[in-house]
Amino acid sequence: MGFLKWITGGHAQRGHHGGGHGSGHHERGRDPHGWGWQVPAAGGAPLRQLACAGCGALNDTQARFCTQCGAAQQSAACSRCYAALAAGARFCPACGTQTA
């Protein structure tokens, strides 16, 4: 088997509806009757690690700083509506309040 064929799972490219992995009615999260996407069932495994926005390293969910690059892991929140703020944001994207 060639490298390219191995990478693509042994299937030739068949276009949008050509079959192969990830097509048809049995896609992950899809209703077997084809009625669209379903909400995942609650009660899954708890989140144990989060990726650092700066370098992508996995850190514990309670970590305050990245173990690889030292970037702050706790996002800032708006003082008025408590929406998450991006690093360096001057205004809240949800309510427009100027950040401190």
PDB file of N, CA and C in Angstrom:
ATOM      1  N   MET A   1       0.860  -1.174   0.000  1.00  0.00           N
ATOM      2  CA  MET A   1       0.000   0.000   0.000  1.00  0.00           C
ATOM      3  C   MET A   1       0.898   1.225   0.000  1.00  0.00           C
ATOM      4  N   GLY A   2       0.599   2.197  -0.850  1.00  0.00           N
ATOM      5  CA  GLY A   2       1.374   3.417  -0.934  1.00  0.00           C
ATOM      6  C   GLY A   2       1.148   4.314   0.269  1.00  0.00           C
ATOM      7  N   PHE A   3       2.100   5.196   0.509  1.00  0.00           N
ATOM      8  CA  PHE A   3       2.019   6.102   1.654  1.00  0.00           C
ATOM      9  C   PHE A   3       0.758   6.959   1.605  1.00  0.00           C
ATOM     10  N   LEU A   4       0.470   7.561   0.456  1.00  0.00           N
ATOM     11  CA  LEU A   4      -0.714   8.416   0.333  1.00  0.00           C
ATOM     12  C   LEU A   4      -1.990   7.616   0.573  1.00  0.00           C
ATOM     13  N   LYS A   5      -2.040   6.410   0.048  1.00  0.00           N
ATOM     14  CA  LYS A   5      -3.220   5.571   0.253  1.00  0.00           C
ATOM     15  C   LYS A   5      -3.342   5.187   1.727  1.00  0.00           C
ATOM     16  N   TRP A   6      -2.205   4.941   2.386  1.00  0.00           N
ATOM     17  CA  TRP A   6      -2.224   4.597   3.807  1.00  0.00           C
ATOM     18  C   TRP A   6      -2.730   5.772   4.633  1.00  0.00           C
ATOM     19  N   ILE A   7      -2.264   6.996   4.324  1.00  0.00           N
ATOM     20  CA  ILE A   7      -2.683   8.199   5.041  1.00  0.00           C
ATOM     21  C   ILE A   7      -4.180   8.428   4.889  1.00  0.00           C
ATOM     22  N   THR A   8      -4.713   8.218   3.709  1.00  0.00           N
ATOM     23  CA  THR A   8      -6.139   8.467   3.472  1.00  0.00           C
ATOM     24  C   THR A   8      -7.009   7.292   3.875  1.00  0.00           C
ATOM     25  N   GLY A   9      -6.450   6.329   4.560  1.00  0.00           N
ATOM     26  CA  GLY A   9      -7.244   5.199   5.039  1.00  0.00           C
ATOM     27  C   GLY A   9      -7.503   4.154   3.975  1.00  0.00           C
ATOM     28  N   GLY A  10      -6.737   4.168   2.892  1.00  0.00           N
ATOM     29  CA  GLY A  10      -6.899   3.160   1.863  1.00  0.00           C
ATOM     30  C   GLY A  10      -8.048   3.432   0.915  1.00  0.00           C
ATOM     31  N   HIS A  11      -8.657   4.589   1.009  1.00  0.00           N
ATOM     32  CA  HIS A  11      -9.790   4.910   0.145  1.00  0.00           C
ATOM     33  C   HIS A  11      -9.406   6.017  -0.820  1.00  0.00           C
ATOM     34  N   ALA A  12      -9.840   5.890  -2.042  1.00  0.00           N
ATOM     35  CA  ALA A  12      -9.613   6.944  -3.024  1.00  0.00           C
ATOM     36  C   ALA A  12     -10.544   8.111  -2.737  1.00  0.00           C
ATOM     37  N   GLN A  13     -10.167   9.287  -3.166  1.00  0.00           N
ATOM     38  CA  GLN A  13     -11.036  10.451  -3.011  1.00  0.00           C
ATOM     39  C   GLN A  13     -12.236  10.264  -3.925  1.00  0.00           C
ATOM     40  N   ARG A  14     -13.433  10.395  -3.381  1.00  0.00           N
ATOM     41  CA  ARG A  14     -14.639  10.143  -4.166  1.00  0.00           C
ATOM     42  C   ARG A  14     -15.574  11.337  -4.209  1.00  0.00           C
ATOM     43  N   GLY A  15     -15.135  12.488  -3.823  1.00  0.00           N
ATOM     44  CA  GLY A  15     -16.002  13.648  -3.874  1.00  0.00           C
ATOM     45  C   GLY A  15     -16.832  13.792  -2.619  1.00  0.00           C
ATOM     46  N   HIS A  16     -17.842  14.631  -2.690  1.00  0.00           N
ATOM     47  CA  HIS A  16     -18.636  14.991  -1.514  1.00  0.00           C
ATOM     48  C   HIS A  16     -19.438  13.825  -0.957  1.00  0.00           C
ATOM     49  N   HIS A  17     -20.063  13.031  -1.795  1.00  0.00           N
ATOM     50  CA  HIS A  17     -20.919  11.944  -1.318  1.00  0.00           C
ATOM     51  C   HIS A  17     -20.374  10.590  -1.737  1.00  0.00           C
ATOM     52  N   GLY A  18     -19.084  10.464  -1.877  1.00  0.00           N
ATOM     53  CA  GLY A  18     -18.509   9.261  -2.444  1.00  0.00           C
ATOM     54  C   GLY A  18     -18.370   8.088  -1.512  1.00  0.00           C
ATOM     55  N   GLY A  19     -18.747   8.172  -0.277  1.00  0.00           N
ATOM     56  CA  GLY A  19     -18.611   7.034   0.616  1.00  0.00           C
ATOM     57  C   GLY A  19     -17.309   7.093   1.378  1.00  0.00           C
ATOM     58  N   GLY A  20     -16.891   5.968   1.909  1.00  0.00           N
ATOM     59  CA  GLY A  20     -15.677   5.926   2.700  1.00  0.00           C
ATOM     60  C   GLY A  20     -15.956   6.307   4.135  1.00  0.00           C
ATOM     61  N   HIS A  21     -14.912   6.522   4.892  1.00  0.00           N
ATOM     62  CA  HIS A  21     -15.071   6.874   6.303  1.00  0.00           C
ATOM     63  C   HIS A  21     -15.712   8.244   6.459  1.00  0.00           C
ATOM     64  N   GLY A  22     -16.605   8.389   7.445  1.00  0.00           N
ATOM     65  CA  GLY A  22     -17.173   9.685   7.774  1.00  0.00           C
ATOM     66  C   GLY A  22     -18.238  10.179   6.831  1.00  0.00           C
ATOM     67  N   SER A  23     -18.892   9.286   6.116  1.00  0.00           N
ATOM     68  CA  SER A  23     -19.971   9.747   5.252  1.00  0.00           C
ATOM     69  C   SER A  23     -21.192   8.879   5.476  1.00  0.00           C
ATOM     70  N   GLY A  24     -22.295   9.298   4.964  1.00  0.00           N
ATOM     71  CA  GLY A  24     -23.516   8.521   5.122  1.00  0.00           C
ATOM     72  C   GLY A  24     -24.243   8.884   6.396  1.00  0.00           C
ATOM     73  N   HIS A  25     -25.143   8.019   6.813  1.00  0.00           N
ATOM     74  CA  HIS A  25     -25.996   8.293   7.966  1.00  0.00           C
ATOM     75  C   HIS A  25     -25.366   7.914   9.294  1.00  0.00           C
ATOM     76  N   HIS A  26     -24.192   7.336   9.292  1.00  0.00           N
ATOM     77  CA  HIS A  26     -23.622   6.847  10.542  1.00  0.00           C
ATOM     78  C   HIS A  26     -22.454   7.686  11.022  1.00  0.00           C
ATOM     79  N   GLU A  27     -22.456   8.967  10.692  1.00  0.00           N
ATOM     80  CA  GLU A  27     -21.420   9.857  11.190  1.00  0.00           C
ATOM     81  C   GLU A  27     -21.602  10.061  12.678  1.00  0.00           C
ATOM     82  N   ARG A  28     -20.517  10.382  13.356  1.00  0.00           N
ATOM     83  CA  ARG A  28     -20.581  10.614  14.796  1.00  0.00           C
ATOM     84  C   ARG A  28     -21.535  11.766  15.095  1.00  0.00           C
ATOM     85  N   GLY A  29     -22.463  11.566  16.013  1.00  0.00           N
ATOM     86  CA  GLY A  29     -23.394  12.600  16.408  1.00  0.00           C
ATOM     87  C   GLY A  29     -24.584  12.741  15.487  1.00  0.00           C
ATOM     88  N   ARG A  30     -24.674  11.920  14.481  1.00  0.00           N
ATOM     89  CA  ARG A  30     -25.765  12.046  13.514  1.00  0.00           C
ATOM     90  C   ARG A  30     -26.841  11.013  13.819  1.00  0.00           C
ATOM     91  N   ASP A  31     -28.065  11.422  13.713  1.00  0.00           N
ATOM     92  CA  ASP A  31     -29.213  10.539  13.893  1.00  0.00           C
ATOM     93  C   ASP A  31     -29.149   9.452  12.816  1.00  0.00           C
ATOM     94  N   PRO A  32     -29.308   8.159  13.164  1.00  0.00           N
ATOM     95  CA  PRO A  32     -29.226   7.105  12.158  1.00  0.00           C
ATOM     96  C   PRO A  32     -30.299   7.219  11.075  1.00  0.00           C
ATOM     97  N   HIS A  33     -31.330   8.013  11.304  1.00  0.00           N
ATOM     98  CA  HIS A  33     -32.382   8.171  10.308  1.00  0.00           C
ATOM     99  C   HIS A  33     -32.160   9.402   9.439  1.00  0.00           C
ATOM    100  N   GLY A  34     -31.043  10.111   9.653  1.00  0.00           N
ATOM    101  CA  GLY A  34     -30.685  11.236   8.809  1.00  0.00           C
ATOM    102  C   GLY A  34     -31.395  12.533   9.123  1.00  0.00           C
ATOM    103  N   TRP A  35     -31.893  12.701  10.327  1.00  0.00           N
ATOM    104  CA  TRP A  35     -32.636  13.905  10.666  1.00  0.00           C
ATOM    105  C   TRP A  35     -31.756  15.024  11.190  1.00  0.00           C
ATOM    106  N   GLY A  36     -30.469  14.924  11.114  1.00  0.00           N
ATOM    107  CA  GLY A  36     -29.593  16.017  11.528  1.00  0.00           C
ATOM    108  C   GLY A  36     -28.780  15.679  12.752  1.00  0.00           C
ATOM    109  N   TRP A  37     -28.097  16.687  13.258  1.00  0.00           N
ATOM    110  CA  TRP A  37     -27.195  16.503  14.388  1.00  0.00           C
ATOM    111  C   TRP A  37     -27.958  16.440  15.689  1.00  0.00           C
ATOM    112  N   GLN A  38     -27.502  15.594  16.565  1.00  0.00           N
ATOM    113  CA  GLN A  38     -28.117  15.419  17.871  1.00  0.00           C
ATOM    114  C   GLN A  38     -27.192  15.985  18.938  1.00  0.00           C
ATOM    115  N   VAL A  39     -27.752  16.476  20.003  1.00  0.00           N
ATOM    116  CA  VAL A  39     -26.980  16.979  21.129  1.00  0.00           C
ATOM    117  C   VAL A  39     -26.348  15.784  21.829  1.00  0.00           C
ATOM    118  N   PRO A  40     -25.036  15.810  22.125  1.00  0.00           N
ATOM    119  CA  PRO A  40     -24.405  14.699  22.826  1.00  0.00           C
ATOM    120  C   PRO A  40     -25.067  14.473  24.176  1.00  0.00           C
ATOM    121  N   ALA A  41     -25.117  13.216  24.581  1.00  0.00           N
ATOM    122  CA  ALA A  41     -25.716  12.872  25.869  1.00  0.00           C
ATOM    123  C   ALA A  41     -24.885  13.463  26.998  1.00  0.00           C
ATOM    124  N   ALA A  42     -25.548  13.980  28.023  1.00  0.00           N
ATOM    125  CA  ALA A  42     -24.854  14.546  29.182  1.00  0.00           C
ATOM    126  C   ALA A  42     -24.240  13.421  30.001  1.00  0.00           C
ATOM    127  N   GLY A  43     -23.298  13.775  30.844  1.00  0.00           N
ATOM    128  CA  GLY A  43     -22.705  12.782  31.727  1.00  0.00           C
ATOM    129  C   GLY A  43     -21.457  12.142  31.170  1.00  0.00           C
ATOM    130  N   GLY A  44     -20.823  12.777  30.197  1.00  0.00           N
ATOM    131  CA  GLY A  44     -19.586  12.249  29.658  1.00  0.00           C
ATOM    132  C   GLY A  44     -18.465  12.368  30.675  1.00  0.00           C
ATOM    133  N   ALA A  45     -17.288  11.950  30.283  1.00  0.00           N
ATOM    134  CA  ALA A  45     -16.134  12.019  31.169  1.00  0.00           C
ATOM    135  C   ALA A  45     -15.813  13.477  31.478  1.00  0.00           C
ATOM    136  N   PRO A  46     -15.441  13.781  32.714  1.00  0.00           N
ATOM    137  CA  PRO A  46     -15.105  15.164  33.059  1.00  0.00           C
ATOM    138  C   PRO A  46     -13.839  15.610  32.331  1.00  0.00           C
ATOM    139  N   LEU A  47     -13.786  16.893  32.019  1.00  0.00           N
ATOM    140  CA  LEU A  47     -12.643  17.465  31.343  1.00  0.00           C
ATOM    141  C   LEU A  47     -11.460  17.484  32.303  1.00  0.00           C
ATOM    142  N   ARG A  48     -10.318  16.934  31.880  1.00  0.00           N
ATOM    143  CA  ARG A  48      -9.149  16.843  32.754  1.00  0.00           C
ATOM    144  C   ARG A  48      -8.021  17.767  32.330  1.00  0.00           C
ATOM    145  N   GLN A  49      -7.971  18.101  31.044  1.00  0.00           N
ATOM    146  CA  GLN A  49      -6.889  18.944  30.550  1.00  0.00           C
ATOM    147  C   GLN A  49      -7.430  19.941  29.534  1.00  0.00           C
ATOM    148  N   LEU A  50      -6.786  21.086  29.464  1.00  0.00           N
ATOM    149  CA  LEU A  50      -7.120  22.114  28.485  1.00  0.00           C
ATOM    150  C   LEU A  50      -5.857  22.489  27.728  1.00  0.00           C
ATOM    151  N   ALA A  51      -6.003  22.828  26.456  1.00  0.00           N
ATOM    152  CA  ALA A  51      -4.862  23.248  25.653  1.00  0.00           C
ATOM    153  C   ALA A  51      -4.581  24.726  25.895  1.00  0.00           C
ATOM    154  N   CYS A  52      -3.314  25.061  26.020  1.00  0.00           N
ATOM    155  CA  CYS A  52      -2.885  26.450  26.191  1.00  0.00           C
ATOM    156  C   CYS A  52      -3.153  27.214  24.896  1.00  0.00           C
ATOM    157  N   ALA A  53      -3.730  28.400  24.997  1.00  0.00           N
ATOM    158  CA  ALA A  53      -3.998  29.222  23.817  1.00  0.00           C
ATOM    159  C   ALA A  53      -2.704  29.730  23.191  1.00  0.00           C
ATOM    160  N   GLY A  54      -1.641  29.818  23.986  1.00  0.00           N
ATOM    161  CA  GLY A  54      -0.379  30.328  23.482  1.00  0.00           C
ATOM    162  C   GLY A  54       0.450  29.312  22.723  1.00  0.00           C
ATOM    163  N   CYS A  55       0.609  28.107  23.304  1.00  0.00           N
ATOM    164  CA  CYS A  55       1.503  27.127  22.687  1.00  0.00           C
ATOM    165  C   CYS A  55       0.845  25.786  22.377  1.00  0.00           C
ATOM    166  N   GLY A  56      -0.373  25.558  22.874  1.00  0.00           N
ATOM    167  CA  GLY A  56      -1.074  24.315  22.585  1.00  0.00           C
ATOM    168  C   GLY A  56      -0.780  23.177  23.539  1.00  0.00           C
ATOM    169  N   ALA A  57       0.103  23.381  24.508  1.00  0.00           N
ATOM    170  CA  ALA A  57       0.429  22.326  25.472  1.00  0.00           C
ATOM    171  C   ALA A  57      -0.787  22.020  26.338  1.00  0.00           C
ATOM    172  N   LEU A  58      -0.934  20.759  26.745  1.00  0.00           N
ATOM    173  CA  LEU A  58      -2.040  20.370  27.615  1.00  0.00           C
ATOM    174  C   LEU A  58      -1.702  20.675  29.061  1.00  0.00           C
ATOM    175  N   ASN A  59      -2.634  21.317  29.746  1.00  0.00           N
ATOM    176  CA  ASN A  59      -2.471  21.687  31.146  1.00  0.00           C
ATOM    177  C   ASN A  59      -3.670  21.209  31.937  1.00  0.00           C
ATOM    178  N   ASP A  60      -3.492  21.036  33.242  1.00  0.00           N
ATOM    179  CA  ASP A  60      -4.582  20.672  34.135  1.00  0.00           C
ATOM    180  C   ASP A  60      -5.650  21.759  34.081  1.00  0.00           C
ATOM    181  N   THR A  61      -6.908  21.389  34.245  1.00  0.00           N
ATOM    182  CA  THR A  61      -7.994  22.371  34.170  1.00  0.00           C
ATOM    183  C   THR A  61      -7.896  23.440  35.253  1.00  0.00           C
ATOM    184  N   GLN A  62      -7.241  23.152  36.365  1.00  0.00           N
ATOM    185  CA  GLN A  62      -7.107  24.121  37.451  1.00  0.00           C
ATOM    186  C   GLN A  62      -5.822  24.938  37.369  1.00  0.00           C
ATOM    187  N   ALA A  63      -4.979  24.678  36.358  1.00  0.00           N
ATOM    188  CA  ALA A  63      -3.701  25.385  36.231  1.00  0.00           C
ATOM    189  C   ALA A  63      -3.926  26.868  35.975  1.00  0.00           C
ATOM    190  N   ARG A  64      -3.138  27.699  36.643  1.00  0.00           N
ATOM    191  CA  ARG A  64      -3.230  29.146  36.438  1.00  0.00           C
ATOM    192  C   ARG A  64      -2.275  29.612  35.357  1.00  0.00           C
ATOM    193  N   PHE A  65      -1.184  28.847  35.134  1.00  0.00           N
ATOM    194  CA  PHE A  65      -0.197  29.188  34.126  1.00  0.00           C
ATOM    195  C   PHE A  65       0.191  27.932  33.364  1.00  0.00           C
ATOM    196  N   CYS A  66       0.577  28.088  32.095  1.00  0.00           N
ATOM    197  CA  CYS A  66       0.991  26.971  31.252  1.00  0.00           C
ATOM    198  C   CYS A  66       2.311  26.398  31.756  1.00  0.00           C
ATOM    199  N   THR A  67       2.408  25.083  31.800  1.00  0.00           N
ATOM    200  CA  THR A  67       3.633  24.428  32.258  1.00  0.00           C
ATOM    201  C   THR A  67       4.747  24.507  31.222  1.00  0.00           C
ATOM    202  N   GLN A  68       4.429  24.834  29.971  1.00  0.00           N
ATOM    203  CA  GLN A  68       5.441  24.903  28.922  1.00  0.00           C
ATOM    204  C   GLN A  68       5.896  26.328  28.614  1.00  0.00           C
ATOM    205  N   CYS A  69       4.943  27.263  28.472  1.00  0.00           N
ATOM    206  CA  CYS A  69       5.324  28.626  28.067  1.00  0.00           C
ATOM    207  C   CYS A  69       5.061  29.676  29.138  1.00  0.00           C
ATOM    208  N   GLY A  70       4.359  29.326  30.209  1.00  0.00           N
ATOM    209  CA  GLY A  70       4.113  30.256  31.299  1.00  0.00           C
ATOM    210  C   GLY A  70       2.957  31.222  31.087  1.00  0.00           C
ATOM    211  N   ALA A  71       2.221  31.085  29.986  1.00  0.00           N
ATOM    212  CA  ALA A  71       1.097  31.992  29.715  1.00  0.00           C
ATOM    213  C   ALA A  71      -0.026  31.762  30.724  1.00  0.00           C
ATOM    214  N   ALA A  72      -0.712  32.842  31.101  1.00  0.00           N
ATOM    215  CA  ALA A  72      -1.838  32.736  32.035  1.00  0.00           C
ATOM    216  C   ALA A  72      -2.933  31.875  31.414  1.00  0.00           C
ATOM    217  N   GLN A  73      -3.497  30.962  32.197  1.00  0.00           N
ATOM    218  CA  GLN A  73      -4.523  30.050  31.704  1.00  0.00           C
ATOM    219  C   GLN A  73      -5.927  30.447  32.127  1.00  0.00           C
ATOM    220  N   GLN A  74      -6.044  31.279  33.131  1.00  0.00           N
ATOM    221  CA  GLN A  74      -7.360  31.708  33.590  1.00  0.00           C
ATOM    222  C   GLN A  74      -7.769  32.918  32.767  1.00  0.00           C
ATOM    223  N   SER A  75      -8.849  32.787  32.009  1.00  0.00           N
ATOM    224  CA  SER A  75      -9.276  33.904  31.177  1.00  0.00           C
ATOM    225  C   SER A  75      -9.938  34.975  32.030  1.00  0.00           C
ATOM    226  N   ALA A  76      -9.818  36.199  31.584  1.00  0.00           N
ATOM    227  CA  ALA A  76     -10.445  37.320  32.273  1.00  0.00           C
ATOM    228  C   ALA A  76     -11.930  37.332  31.946  1.00  0.00           C
ATOM    229  N   ALA A  77     -12.719  37.926  32.831  1.00  0.00           N
ATOM    230  CA  ALA A  77     -14.159  38.028  32.619  1.00  0.00           C
ATOM    231  C   ALA A  77     -14.590  39.482  32.739  1.00  0.00           C
ATOM    232  N   CYS A  78     -15.633  39.828  32.021  1.00  0.00           N
ATOM    233  CA  CYS A  78     -16.193  41.175  32.064  1.00  0.00           C
ATOM    234  C   CYS A  78     -16.747  41.443  33.457  1.00  0.00           C
ATOM    235  N   SER A  79     -16.479  42.641  33.980  1.00  0.00           N
ATOM    236  CA  SER A  79     -16.959  42.985  35.323  1.00  0.00           C
ATOM    237  C   SER A  79     -18.465  43.247  35.347  1.00  0.00           C
ATOM    238  N   ARG A  80     -19.063  43.491  34.191  1.00  0.00           N
ATOM    239  CA  ARG A  80     -20.496  43.780  34.139  1.00  0.00           C
ATOM    240  C   ARG A  80     -21.335  42.534  33.842  1.00  0.00           C
ATOM    241  N   CYS A  81     -20.975  41.776  32.778  1.00  0.00           N
ATOM    242  CA  CYS A  81     -21.812  40.637  32.371  1.00  0.00           C
ATOM    243  C   CYS A  81     -21.121  39.287  32.553  1.00  0.00           C
ATOM    244  N   TYR A  82     -19.864  39.290  32.956  1.00  0.00           N
ATOM    245  CA  TYR A  82     -19.074  38.090  33.229  1.00  0.00           C
ATOM    246  C   TYR A  82     -18.783  37.246  31.990  1.00  0.00           C
ATOM    247  N   ALA A  83     -18.891  37.822  30.806  1.00  0.00           N
ATOM    248  CA  ALA A  83     -18.523  37.113  29.581  1.00  0.00           C
ATOM    249  C   ALA A  83     -17.002  36.973  29.539  1.00  0.00           C
ATOM    250  N   ALA A  84     -16.518  35.915  28.901  1.00  0.00           N
ATOM    251  CA  ALA A  84     -15.079  35.694  28.776  1.00  0.00           C
ATOM    252  C   ALA A  84     -14.466  36.766  27.884  1.00  0.00           C
ATOM    253  N   LEU A  85     -13.307  37.257  28.280  1.00  0.00           N
ATOM    254  CA  LEU A  85     -12.594  38.279  27.522  1.00  0.00           C
ATOM    255  C   LEU A  85     -11.331  37.682  26.923  1.00  0.00           C
ATOM    256  N   ALA A  86     -11.058  38.001  25.686  1.00  0.00           N
ATOM    257  CA  ALA A  86      -9.821  37.571  25.050  1.00  0.00           C
ATOM    258  C   ALA A  86      -8.664  38.352  25.656  1.00  0.00           C
ATOM    259  N   ALA A  87      -7.475  37.764  25.616  1.00  0.00           N
ATOM    260  CA  ALA A  87      -6.295  38.445  26.146  1.00  0.00           C
ATOM    261  C   ALA A  87      -6.090  39.755  25.396  1.00  0.00           C
ATOM    262  N   GLY A  88      -5.919  40.840  26.129  1.00  0.00           N
ATOM    263  CA  GLY A  88      -5.684  42.142  25.533  1.00  0.00           C
ATOM    264  C   GLY A  88      -6.931  42.865  25.046  1.00  0.00           C
ATOM    265  N   ALA A  89      -8.105  42.308  25.310  1.00  0.00           N
ATOM    266  CA  ALA A  89      -9.349  42.951  24.857  1.00  0.00           C
ATOM    267  C   ALA A  89      -9.549  44.275  25.586  1.00  0.00           C
ATOM    268  N   ARG A  90      -9.951  45.294  24.855  1.00  0.00           N
ATOM    269  CA  ARG A  90     -10.215  46.601  25.459  1.00  0.00           C
ATOM    270  C   ARG A  90     -11.685  46.780  25.792  1.00  0.00           C
ATOM    271  N   PHE A  91     -12.548  46.025  25.109  1.00  0.00           N
ATOM    272  CA  PHE A  91     -13.986  46.099  25.348  1.00  0.00           C
ATOM    273  C   PHE A  91     -14.574  44.696  25.382  1.00  0.00           C
ATOM    274  N   CYS A  92     -15.650  44.520  26.136  1.00  0.00           N
ATOM    275  CA  CYS A  92     -16.341  43.239  26.224  1.00  0.00           C
ATOM    276  C   CYS A  92     -17.075  42.966  24.909  1.00  0.00           C
ATOM    277  N   PRO A  93     -16.924  41.761  24.340  1.00  0.00           N
ATOM    278  CA  PRO A  93     -17.619  41.456  23.091  1.00  0.00           C
ATOM    279  C   PRO A  93     -19.126  41.256  23.280  1.00  0.00           C
ATOM    280  N   ALA A  94     -19.574  41.021  24.510  1.00  0.00           N
ATOM    281  CA  ALA A  94     -20.991  40.760  24.759  1.00  0.00           C
ATOM    282  C   ALA A  94     -21.779  42.025  25.073  1.00  0.00           C
ATOM    283  N   CYS A  95     -21.212  42.909  25.912  1.00  0.00           N
ATOM    284  CA  CYS A  95     -21.983  44.085  26.339  1.00  0.00           C
ATOM    285  C   CYS A  95     -21.313  45.412  26.001  1.00  0.00           C
ATOM    286  N   GLY A  96     -20.065  45.395  25.552  1.00  0.00           N
ATOM    287  CA  GLY A  96     -19.382  46.616  25.151  1.00  0.00           C
ATOM    288  C   GLY A  96     -18.713  47.401  26.260  1.00  0.00           C
ATOM    289  N   THR A  97     -18.751  46.889  27.482  1.00  0.00           N
ATOM    290  CA  THR A  97     -18.122  47.585  28.603  1.00  0.00           C
ATOM    291  C   THR A  97     -16.610  47.637  28.404  1.00  0.00           C
ATOM    292  N   GLN A  98     -16.011  48.795  28.693  1.00  0.00           N
ATOM    293  CA  GLN A  98     -14.564  48.935  28.593  1.00  0.00           C
ATOM    294  C   GLN A  98     -13.913  48.137  29.716  1.00  0.00           C
ATOM    295  N   THR A  99     -12.864  47.393  29.376  1.00  0.00           N
ATOM    296  CA  THR A  99     -12.175  46.574  30.380  1.00  0.00           C
ATOM    297  C   THR A  99     -11.187  47.418  31.158  1.00  0.00           C
ATOM    298  N   ALA A 100     -10.786  46.926  32.298  1.00  0.00           N
ATOM    299  CA  ALA A 100      -9.850  47.661  33.165  1.00  0.00           C
ATOM    300  C   ALA A 100      -8.433  47.544  32.667  1.00  0.00           C
TER     301      ALA A 100
END
